[in-house]
Amino acid sequence: MQSPLVPSRSASWHLRTRDVLSQHARTATRTLFVSTFPPEACGIATFAQDSADALELACGGLPASVFAIERGVRQQYDDRRVTRVIRNDEEGSYRRAALAANTGPYDVVSLQHEFGLYPGAWGRGVLDFVTQCRKPIITTLHTLLSTPPTAARDIIDALVQRSKGVVVMTNAASALLRKAYGSFSTPIRVIPHGVPIIHRQYDAACKKRLDLVGRRVLITFGLIGRGKGLESMIDAMPSVLRRCPEAVYLIVGATHPKVREHEGESYRETLTAKVEALGLSGAVSFVNRFVELPELMTYLGACDVYVTPYTGEDQIASGTLAYAMAAGRPIVSTPYVYAREVLADGRGQLVPFGDSEAMAEATLRYLEDGPLERRTRRVAYAYAIPMRWRVVGADYLRFFNEILGVPDSAETSRYTSDQAHEPADRPGRGRA
């Protein structure tokens, strides 16, 4: 059954939206995305799909194109925008893709970068594309290490030097890029991680739908791997339950495909064993699948406290945390780069890495202090308004046009500024 929070991704929705947008004369930029893409179950794939949707809207319906990266597993793409597949296990695939980009009808290439997307040591295979591509490349960086190994730094250096522009998602990531990777003349633009517009008033309905009426619901969602630090929150649960016995912790998401490929379900099995050893079988639950957006919005609607107990400081973006903010959830997080910036000024609580007792205390603070919980919901929700996909799409379009030397249009400017006047509970699109 569809969640009450969001509409389905339907053709009629596209047509209605395009009819409205076609009334405005927007600058049309033909964009080629190079990225993993659904049905691959990974955060960057869904980020690329949502970015393509948002840019398409900002361009008045002009469709983007996608060269979809396959990391071993063959996919069946039903999205009309996927015009080519780049296979990591095929020699010369990136060089051939660059040549196809050069001769294709594209004004700009939006390259999504994370080291694990590309073949070779530290994803060095991406350089086969950027060295051959003659179209302007705008690279979105999803991962930066604060103390990168030489090989990783050299790849980022080469990638930035060969890009006409770079996008990062926080001011902290922009500063880190300049500090740890070198001095660049390439323009760097901060554009936040996009989020859907999420209704805030469905807590009771969503809890009923999930059979969680009467429970205080703590949630972490996303693809699972050892860096998620889920064991810390599981260790925190006995302390939480002593003061809030109705609490339940839901871990929503499948094991990351690349993790499963290398180590199977061993991490999830260690978590399950910990739950059993601590006697938490009734208080910790695993939703072991990749959750699509409508169901995900139902889980967020039922959430009283959202938790990101990640172990690594260097994470410069988190779609899951961004979505939780868009839903107006109180958030407890470890202090990785992205969380430190977006949860500042009372928008959430930060606790030390691996400190289960601090995690429990911060969680209980929200569960026991109603005014604090409500105030945090309001400020988190307000902070995420400029992160809505329609605004982010217009930001990307403006940056692309700046790089291409295309004058900004008044309509594109209005499209960005209008975000402040959107209905607060209008449903949105996008995926986690």
Protein backbone atom coordinates (compact mmCIF):
# COMPACT_ATOMS: atom_id res chain seq x y z
CA MET A 1 0.00 0.00 0.00
CA GLN A 2 1.30 3.44 -0.87
CA SER A 3 2.46 5.74 1.90
CA PRO A 4 0.27 8.80 2.58
CA LEU A 5 3.44 10.88 2.54
CA VAL A 6 4.39 10.84 -1.14
CA PRO A 7 2.81 10.21 -4.52
CA SER A 8 3.96 7.43 -6.80
CA ARG A 9 6.53 8.17 -9.50
CA SER A 10 3.97 8.33 -12.31
CA ALA A 11 3.85 9.56 -15.89
CA SER A 12 0.86 11.78 -15.08
CA TRP A 13 2.90 13.54 -12.38
CA HIS A 14 5.65 14.26 -14.94
CA LEU A 15 3.12 15.63 -17.42
CA ARG A 16 1.33 17.86 -14.91
CA THR A 17 4.65 19.28 -13.70
CA ARG A 18 5.96 19.86 -17.21
CA ASP A 19 2.73 21.62 -18.20
CA VAL A 20 3.28 24.08 -15.36
CA LEU A 21 6.98 24.57 -16.01
CA SER A 22 6.56 24.94 -19.76
CA GLN A 23 4.76 28.23 -19.09
CA HIS A 24 8.13 29.68 -18.05
CA ALA A 25 11.01 30.28 -20.45
CA ARG A 26 13.90 28.45 -18.83
CA THR A 27 17.39 28.02 -20.16
CA ALA A 28 17.69 24.48 -21.52
CA THR A 29 20.95 22.68 -20.78
CA ARG A 30 21.45 19.13 -22.06
CA THR A 31 23.10 17.20 -19.25
CA LEU A 32 24.76 13.79 -19.33
CA PHE A 33 25.06 12.02 -15.96
CA VAL A 34 27.86 9.50 -15.44
CA SER A 35 26.94 7.45 -12.38
CA THR A 36 25.50 4.26 -11.08
CA PHE A 37 21.74 4.37 -11.59
CA PRO A 38 18.64 2.46 -10.42
CA PRO A 39 17.84 -0.37 -10.30
CA GLU A 40 21.29 -0.60 -8.66
CA ALA A 41 20.63 -0.30 -4.93
CA CYS A 42 23.12 2.32 -3.80
CA GLY A 43 22.85 5.85 -2.51
CA ILE A 44 24.69 7.48 -5.41
CA ALA A 45 22.47 5.70 -7.94
CA THR A 46 19.33 7.14 -6.39
CA PHE A 47 21.05 10.52 -5.90
CA ALA A 48 21.81 10.59 -9.63
CA GLN A 49 18.22 9.70 -10.50
CA ASP A 50 16.83 12.43 -8.25
CA SER A 51 19.36 14.94 -9.58
CA ALA A 52 18.37 14.09 -13.15
CA ASP A 53 14.69 14.51 -12.24
CA ALA A 54 15.34 17.85 -10.56
CA LEU A 55 17.47 19.19 -13.40
CA GLU A 56 14.85 18.05 -15.89
CA LEU A 57 12.24 20.09 -14.03
CA ALA A 58 14.54 23.11 -13.83
CA CYS A 59 15.07 22.88 -17.60
CA GLY A 60 11.34 22.87 -18.27
CA GLY A 61 11.16 19.17 -19.11
CA LEU A 62 14.26 18.75 -21.30
CA PRO A 63 15.37 15.22 -20.35
CA ALA A 64 18.85 14.46 -19.07
CA SER A 65 20.79 11.46 -20.33
CA VAL A 66 22.65 8.84 -18.31
CA PHE A 67 25.69 6.65 -18.89
CA ALA A 68 25.06 4.07 -16.18
CA ILE A 69 28.03 2.49 -14.40
CA GLU A 70 27.78 -1.25 -13.75
CA ARG A 71 30.03 -2.68 -11.06
CA GLY A 72 29.87 -6.35 -12.05
CA VAL A 73 26.17 -7.18 -11.70
CA ARG A 74 24.22 -6.72 -14.94
CA GLN A 75 21.19 -4.46 -14.54
CA GLN A 76 17.98 -4.06 -16.49
CA TYR A 77 17.32 -0.34 -16.95
CA ASP A 78 13.77 0.79 -17.63
CA ASP A 79 14.53 4.52 -17.46
CA ARG A 80 14.49 6.06 -20.94
CA ARG A 81 17.38 8.35 -19.96
CA VAL A 82 19.92 5.51 -19.72
CA THR A 83 21.47 5.59 -23.17
CA ARG A 84 24.70 3.71 -22.47
CA VAL A 85 26.12 1.28 -19.94
CA ILE A 86 29.73 1.57 -18.72
CA ARG A 87 30.89 -1.81 -17.43
CA ASN A 88 33.71 -1.76 -14.88
CA ASP A 89 34.78 -5.27 -15.87
CA GLU A 90 35.23 -4.42 -19.57
CA GLU A 91 38.60 -3.07 -20.69
CA GLY A 92 38.29 0.28 -22.45
CA SER A 93 34.68 0.85 -21.40
CA TYR A 94 35.39 4.32 -19.95
CA ARG A 95 37.43 5.42 -22.96
CA ARG A 96 34.61 4.36 -25.30
CA ALA A 97 32.09 6.15 -23.12
CA ALA A 98 34.14 9.36 -23.32
CA LEU A 99 34.21 9.15 -27.10
CA ALA A 100 30.42 8.65 -27.12
CA ALA A 101 30.02 11.70 -24.86
CA ASN A 102 32.18 13.75 -27.23
CA THR A 103 29.93 13.02 -30.21
CA GLY A 104 26.62 13.07 -28.31
CA PRO A 105 24.13 15.96 -27.95
CA TYR A 106 25.31 17.01 -24.49
CA ASP A 107 26.25 20.46 -23.23
CA VAL A 108 27.73 19.32 -19.91
CA VAL A 109 28.71 16.09 -18.15
CA SER A 110 27.67 15.68 -14.50
CA LEU A 111 30.15 13.14 -13.12
CA GLN A 112 29.35 11.56 -9.75
CA HIS A 113 32.47 10.56 -7.86
CA GLU A 114 33.12 8.18 -5.03
CA PHE A 115 36.24 6.01 -5.00
CA GLY A 116 34.24 2.78 -4.95
CA LEU A 117 32.29 3.59 -8.11
CA TYR A 118 35.20 3.11 -10.48
CA PRO A 119 37.59 0.25 -11.30
CA GLY A 120 41.24 0.06 -10.30
CA ALA A 121 43.11 1.07 -7.16
CA TRP A 122 41.19 3.92 -5.49
CA GLY A 123 38.91 4.06 -8.55
CA ARG A 124 41.66 5.16 -10.89
CA GLY A 125 39.57 4.03 -13.87
CA VAL A 126 37.62 7.29 -13.76
CA LEU A 127 40.66 9.02 -15.24
CA ASP A 128 40.22 7.01 -18.44
CA PHE A 129 36.98 8.92 -18.92
CA VAL A 130 38.01 12.42 -17.89
CA THR A 131 41.24 12.40 -19.91
CA GLN A 132 39.34 11.50 -23.09
CA CYS A 133 36.15 13.52 -22.61
CA ARG A 134 36.05 16.84 -24.45
CA LYS A 135 32.73 18.04 -23.07
CA PRO A 136 32.72 20.29 -19.95
CA ILE A 137 32.74 18.07 -16.86
CA ILE A 138 31.18 19.14 -13.55
CA THR A 139 32.17 16.66 -10.84
CA THR A 140 30.11 16.06 -7.72
CA LEU A 141 32.33 14.72 -4.93
CA HIS A 142 30.55 12.37 -2.53
CA THR A 143 33.64 11.31 -0.53
CA LEU A 144 36.76 13.13 0.65
CA LEU A 145 39.31 11.83 3.12
CA SER A 146 40.82 14.28 5.60
CA THR A 147 44.22 12.55 5.39
CA PRO A 148 44.14 10.89 1.96
CA PRO A 149 46.75 8.36 0.85
CA THR A 150 48.91 9.64 -1.97
CA ALA A 151 47.10 7.55 -4.58
CA ALA A 152 43.68 8.86 -3.52
CA ARG A 153 44.88 12.48 -3.40
CA ASP A 154 46.45 12.20 -6.86
CA ILE A 155 43.18 10.93 -8.34
CA ILE A 156 41.16 13.76 -6.79
CA ASP A 157 43.78 16.28 -7.93
CA ALA A 158 43.64 15.00 -11.52
CA LEU A 159 39.86 14.86 -11.46
CA VAL A 160 39.47 18.41 -10.17
CA GLN A 161 42.06 19.79 -12.58
CA ARG A 162 40.23 18.25 -15.54
CA SER A 163 36.79 19.40 -14.40
CA LYS A 164 35.31 22.76 -15.30
CA GLY A 165 33.59 22.87 -11.92
CA VAL A 166 33.24 20.87 -8.72
CA VAL A 167 30.20 20.42 -6.47
CA VAL A 168 30.39 19.49 -2.78
CA MET A 169 27.48 19.39 -0.35
CA THR A 170 28.76 21.32 2.67
CA ASN A 171 31.03 24.27 3.42
CA ALA A 172 33.18 21.89 5.47
CA ALA A 173 33.73 19.68 2.42
CA SER A 174 34.73 22.72 0.35
CA ALA A 175 37.29 23.72 3.00
CA LEU A 176 38.58 20.15 3.24
CA LEU A 177 39.05 19.94 -0.52
CA ARG A 178 41.20 23.05 -0.53
CA LYS A 179 43.14 22.09 2.60
CA ALA A 180 43.90 18.41 1.99
CA TYR A 181 44.04 18.18 -1.80
CA GLY A 182 45.75 21.28 -3.07
CA SER A 183 45.16 24.71 -4.53
CA PHE A 184 42.77 24.71 -7.47
CA SER A 185 41.59 27.30 -9.95
CA THR A 186 38.56 25.12 -10.69
CA PRO A 187 35.36 26.73 -9.36
CA ILE A 188 33.93 24.91 -6.32
CA ARG A 189 30.23 25.26 -5.55
CA VAL A 190 28.42 24.13 -2.40
CA ILE A 191 25.00 22.68 -3.31
CA PRO A 192 23.23 20.73 -0.57
CA HIS A 193 22.10 17.13 -0.83
CA GLY A 194 18.58 17.19 -2.21
CA VAL A 195 15.52 16.01 -0.29
CA PRO A 196 11.85 15.45 -1.11
CA ILE A 197 9.10 17.57 0.42
CA ILE A 198 7.82 15.45 3.30
CA HIS A 199 4.57 15.86 5.20
CA ARG A 200 5.17 16.24 8.95
CA GLN A 201 1.77 15.22 10.32
CA TYR A 202 1.61 11.45 9.82
CA ASP A 203 3.31 10.09 12.95
CA ALA A 204 0.24 8.31 14.32
CA ALA A 205 -0.91 7.02 10.94
CA CYS A 206 2.55 5.69 10.09
CA LYS A 207 2.95 3.97 13.46
CA LYS A 208 -0.40 2.29 12.98
CA ARG A 209 0.60 1.17 9.48
CA LEU A 210 3.81 -0.39 10.87
CA ASP A 211 2.07 -1.90 13.92
CA LEU A 212 4.08 0.36 16.25
CA VAL A 213 1.29 2.12 18.11
CA GLY A 214 2.40 2.91 21.65
CA ARG A 215 6.12 2.52 20.86
CA ARG A 216 8.82 5.20 20.85
CA VAL A 217 10.54 4.52 17.55
CA LEU A 218 14.28 4.96 16.95
CA ILE A 219 15.48 4.43 13.38
CA THR A 220 18.62 4.13 11.30
CA PHE A 221 18.10 3.48 7.60
CA GLY A 222 20.33 2.95 4.58
CA LEU A 223 22.59 0.31 3.10
CA ILE A 224 24.43 -1.55 5.84
CA GLY A 225 28.18 -2.01 6.30
CA ARG A 226 30.68 -1.93 9.14
CA GLY A 227 31.18 1.84 8.96
CA LYS A 228 27.58 2.44 10.01
CA GLY A 229 28.44 1.82 13.69
CA LEU A 230 25.11 0.14 14.40
CA GLU A 231 26.64 -1.90 17.21
CA SER A 232 27.02 1.32 19.22
CA MET A 233 23.31 2.05 19.15
CA ILE A 234 22.47 -1.59 19.93
CA ASP A 235 24.78 -1.34 22.97
CA ALA A 236 22.93 1.84 23.96
CA MET A 237 19.51 0.18 23.98
CA PRO A 238 19.63 -1.40 27.48
CA SER A 239 20.17 2.08 28.97
CA VAL A 240 17.40 3.53 26.82
CA LEU A 241 14.98 0.76 27.81
CA ARG A 242 15.57 1.20 31.55
CA ARG A 243 13.99 4.67 31.35
CA CYS A 244 11.82 4.19 28.25
CA PRO A 245 10.67 0.55 28.09
CA GLU A 246 8.41 1.24 25.10
CA ALA A 247 11.39 2.15 22.88
CA VAL A 248 12.17 0.08 19.78
CA TYR A 249 15.16 0.47 17.45
CA LEU A 250 14.58 -0.28 13.76
CA ILE A 251 17.55 -0.89 11.45
CA VAL A 252 16.04 -0.39 8.00
CA GLY A 253 18.00 -1.45 4.94
CA ALA A 254 19.80 -4.23 3.12
CA THR A 255 23.51 -4.98 3.33
CA HIS A 256 25.42 -2.90 0.78
CA PRO A 257 25.84 -4.96 -2.44
CA LYS A 258 29.63 -4.46 -2.45
CA VAL A 259 29.84 -5.52 1.21
CA ARG A 260 27.74 -8.59 0.49
CA GLU A 261 29.97 -9.44 -2.46
CA HIS A 262 33.11 -9.48 -0.31
CA GLU A 263 31.93 -10.71 3.09
CA GLY A 264 28.35 -11.84 2.70
CA GLU A 265 26.09 -11.05 5.67
CA SER A 266 28.79 -11.40 8.33
CA TYR A 267 28.33 -7.88 9.71
CA ARG A 268 24.56 -8.23 10.02
CA GLU A 269 25.08 -11.62 11.66
CA THR A 270 27.34 -10.06 14.31
CA LEU A 271 24.65 -7.46 14.98
CA THR A 272 21.97 -10.13 15.29
CA ALA A 273 24.15 -12.10 17.69
CA LYS A 274 24.69 -8.95 19.80
CA VAL A 275 20.94 -8.33 19.94
CA GLU A 276 20.35 -11.88 21.16
CA ALA A 277 23.20 -11.75 23.68
CA LEU A 278 21.81 -8.54 25.20
CA GLY A 279 18.27 -9.91 25.31
CA LEU A 280 16.99 -7.22 22.96
CA SER A 281 15.01 -9.34 20.51
CA GLY A 282 11.80 -7.45 21.30
CA ALA A 283 13.45 -4.02 21.18
CA VAL A 284 15.70 -4.17 18.09
CA SER A 285 14.31 -5.13 14.70
CA PHE A 286 15.96 -5.53 11.29
CA VAL A 287 14.13 -4.62 8.07
CA ASN A 288 16.49 -6.49 5.80
CA ARG A 289 15.73 -5.08 2.35
CA PHE A 290 16.31 -2.04 0.16
CA VAL A 291 13.34 0.18 0.99
CA GLU A 292 11.79 2.25 -1.78
CA LEU A 293 10.70 5.83 -1.15
CA PRO A 294 7.00 5.43 -0.25
CA GLU A 295 7.77 2.79 2.39
CA LEU A 296 10.79 4.75 3.60
CA MET A 297 8.63 7.81 4.16
CA THR A 298 6.29 5.70 6.26
CA TYR A 299 9.21 4.64 8.47
CA LEU A 300 10.38 8.25 8.79
CA GLY A 301 6.83 9.30 9.60
CA ALA A 302 6.81 6.82 12.50
CA CYS A 303 10.23 7.88 13.78
CA ASP A 304 10.62 9.63 17.14
CA VAL A 305 14.44 9.83 17.05
CA TYR A 306 16.68 9.26 14.06
CA VAL A 307 20.20 7.91 14.74
CA THR A 308 23.35 7.95 12.61
CA PRO A 309 26.06 6.27 14.74
CA TYR A 310 28.64 6.17 11.92
CA THR A 311 32.25 5.38 12.81
CA GLY A 312 34.12 7.50 10.24
CA GLU A 313 34.76 11.21 10.61
CA ASP A 314 35.37 11.76 6.89
CA GLN A 315 31.81 11.31 5.60
CA ILE A 316 31.07 14.55 3.75
CA ALA A 317 27.50 13.71 2.67
CA SER A 318 24.66 11.59 4.02
CA GLY A 319 21.43 11.23 2.11
CA THR A 320 19.86 9.39 5.04
CA LEU A 321 20.59 12.22 7.46
CA ALA A 322 19.35 14.78 4.92
CA TYR A 323 16.06 12.89 4.52
CA ALA A 324 15.60 12.66 8.29
CA MET A 325 16.02 16.44 8.55
CA ALA A 326 13.52 16.96 5.73
CA ALA A 327 11.05 14.91 7.75
CA GLY A 328 11.67 17.09 10.80
CA ARG A 329 13.04 14.28 12.95
CA PRO A 330 15.14 14.84 16.10
CA ILE A 331 18.56 13.39 15.27
CA VAL A 332 21.36 11.89 17.35
CA SER A 333 24.60 11.45 15.44
CA THR A 334 28.31 10.93 15.75
CA PRO A 335 30.32 14.01 14.66
CA TYR A 336 31.31 13.17 11.09
CA VAL A 337 31.90 16.10 8.73
CA TYR A 338 28.40 16.30 7.27
CA ALA A 339 26.64 15.90 10.62
CA ARG A 340 28.76 18.57 12.33
CA GLU A 341 27.64 21.15 9.81
CA VAL A 342 23.98 20.36 9.28
CA LEU A 343 23.17 19.57 12.93
CA ALA A 344 24.81 22.72 14.34
CA ASP A 345 22.82 25.40 16.21
CA GLY A 346 20.40 23.02 17.89
CA ARG A 347 19.31 21.10 14.81
CA GLY A 348 20.40 17.81 16.40
CA GLN A 349 22.72 16.29 19.01
CA LEU A 350 26.28 15.08 18.42
CA VAL A 351 27.87 12.37 20.56
CA PRO A 352 31.43 10.97 20.51
CA PHE A 353 32.25 8.12 18.15
CA GLY A 354 31.56 4.72 19.70
CA ASP A 355 30.19 6.17 22.96
CA SER A 356 27.06 4.12 23.56
CA GLU A 357 26.23 5.73 26.90
CA ALA A 358 26.35 9.22 25.38
CA MET A 359 24.18 7.95 22.55
CA ALA A 360 21.64 6.60 25.03
CA GLU A 361 21.58 9.86 27.03
CA ALA A 362 21.10 12.00 23.93
CA THR A 363 18.30 9.73 22.70
CA LEU A 364 16.56 9.84 26.07
CA ARG A 365 16.83 13.62 26.14
CA TYR A 366 14.52 13.75 23.13
CA LEU A 367 12.22 11.00 24.41
CA GLU A 368 11.80 12.67 27.82
CA ASP A 369 11.85 16.38 26.96
CA GLY A 370 8.83 17.19 24.80
CA PRO A 371 9.62 20.89 24.29
CA LEU A 372 13.19 20.05 23.19
CA GLU A 373 11.90 17.41 20.80
CA ARG A 374 9.35 19.75 19.22
CA ARG A 375 11.82 22.63 18.95
CA THR A 376 14.39 20.38 17.27
CA ARG A 377 11.81 19.09 14.81
CA ARG A 378 10.94 22.67 13.79
CA VAL A 379 14.48 23.90 13.26
CA ALA A 380 15.60 20.73 11.43
CA TYR A 381 12.60 20.93 9.11
CA ALA A 382 13.17 24.63 8.40
CA TYR A 383 16.87 24.05 7.67
CA ALA A 384 15.98 21.42 5.04
CA ILE A 385 13.60 23.63 3.06
CA PRO A 386 16.39 25.02 0.77
CA MET A 387 17.53 21.41 0.28
CA ARG A 388 14.36 20.42 -1.57
CA TRP A 389 15.03 18.87 -4.94
CA ARG A 390 13.33 21.58 -6.98
CA VAL A 391 15.63 24.17 -5.40
CA VAL A 392 18.72 21.97 -5.71
CA GLY A 393 17.94 21.30 -9.38
CA ALA A 394 17.79 25.03 -10.06
CA ASP A 395 21.09 25.51 -8.19
CA TYR A 396 22.75 22.87 -10.38
CA LEU A 397 21.32 24.43 -13.53
CA ARG A 398 22.60 27.86 -12.53
CA PHE A 399 26.11 26.48 -11.86
CA PHE A 400 26.15 24.56 -15.14
CA ASN A 401 25.11 27.69 -17.01
CA GLU A 402 27.80 29.75 -15.28
CA ILE A 403 30.40 27.23 -16.41
CA LEU A 404 28.98 27.24 -19.94
CA GLY A 405 28.81 31.04 -20.03
CA VAL A 406 25.03 31.07 -20.39
CA PRO A 407 23.36 34.13 -18.80
CA ASP A 408 21.12 33.33 -15.85
CA SER A 409 17.44 33.86 -16.53
CA ALA A 410 15.04 35.69 -14.24
CA GLU A 411 12.82 32.62 -14.27
CA THR A 412 15.60 30.36 -13.01
CA SER A 413 16.34 32.83 -10.22
CA ARG A 414 12.68 32.97 -9.24
CA TYR A 415 12.50 29.18 -9.34
CA THR A 416 15.22 29.02 -6.67
CA SER A 417 13.86 31.80 -4.46
CA ASP A 418 10.32 30.39 -4.57
CA GLN A 419 11.40 27.57 -2.25
CA ALA A 420 10.59 29.75 0.74
CA HIS A 421 6.95 29.88 -0.31
CA GLU A 422 6.30 26.21 -1.02
CA PRO A 423 3.51 24.58 1.03
CA ALA A 424 5.16 23.02 4.08
CA ASP A 425 3.23 19.77 3.78
CA ARG A 426 3.18 19.34 0.03
CA PRO A 427 4.36 15.79 -0.81
CA GLY A 428 7.64 15.39 -2.63
CA ARG A 429 9.61 13.04 -4.78
CA GLY A 430 13.07 11.54 -4.49
CA ARG A 431 14.69 8.49 -2.98
CA ALA A 432 17.20 7.66 -0.27
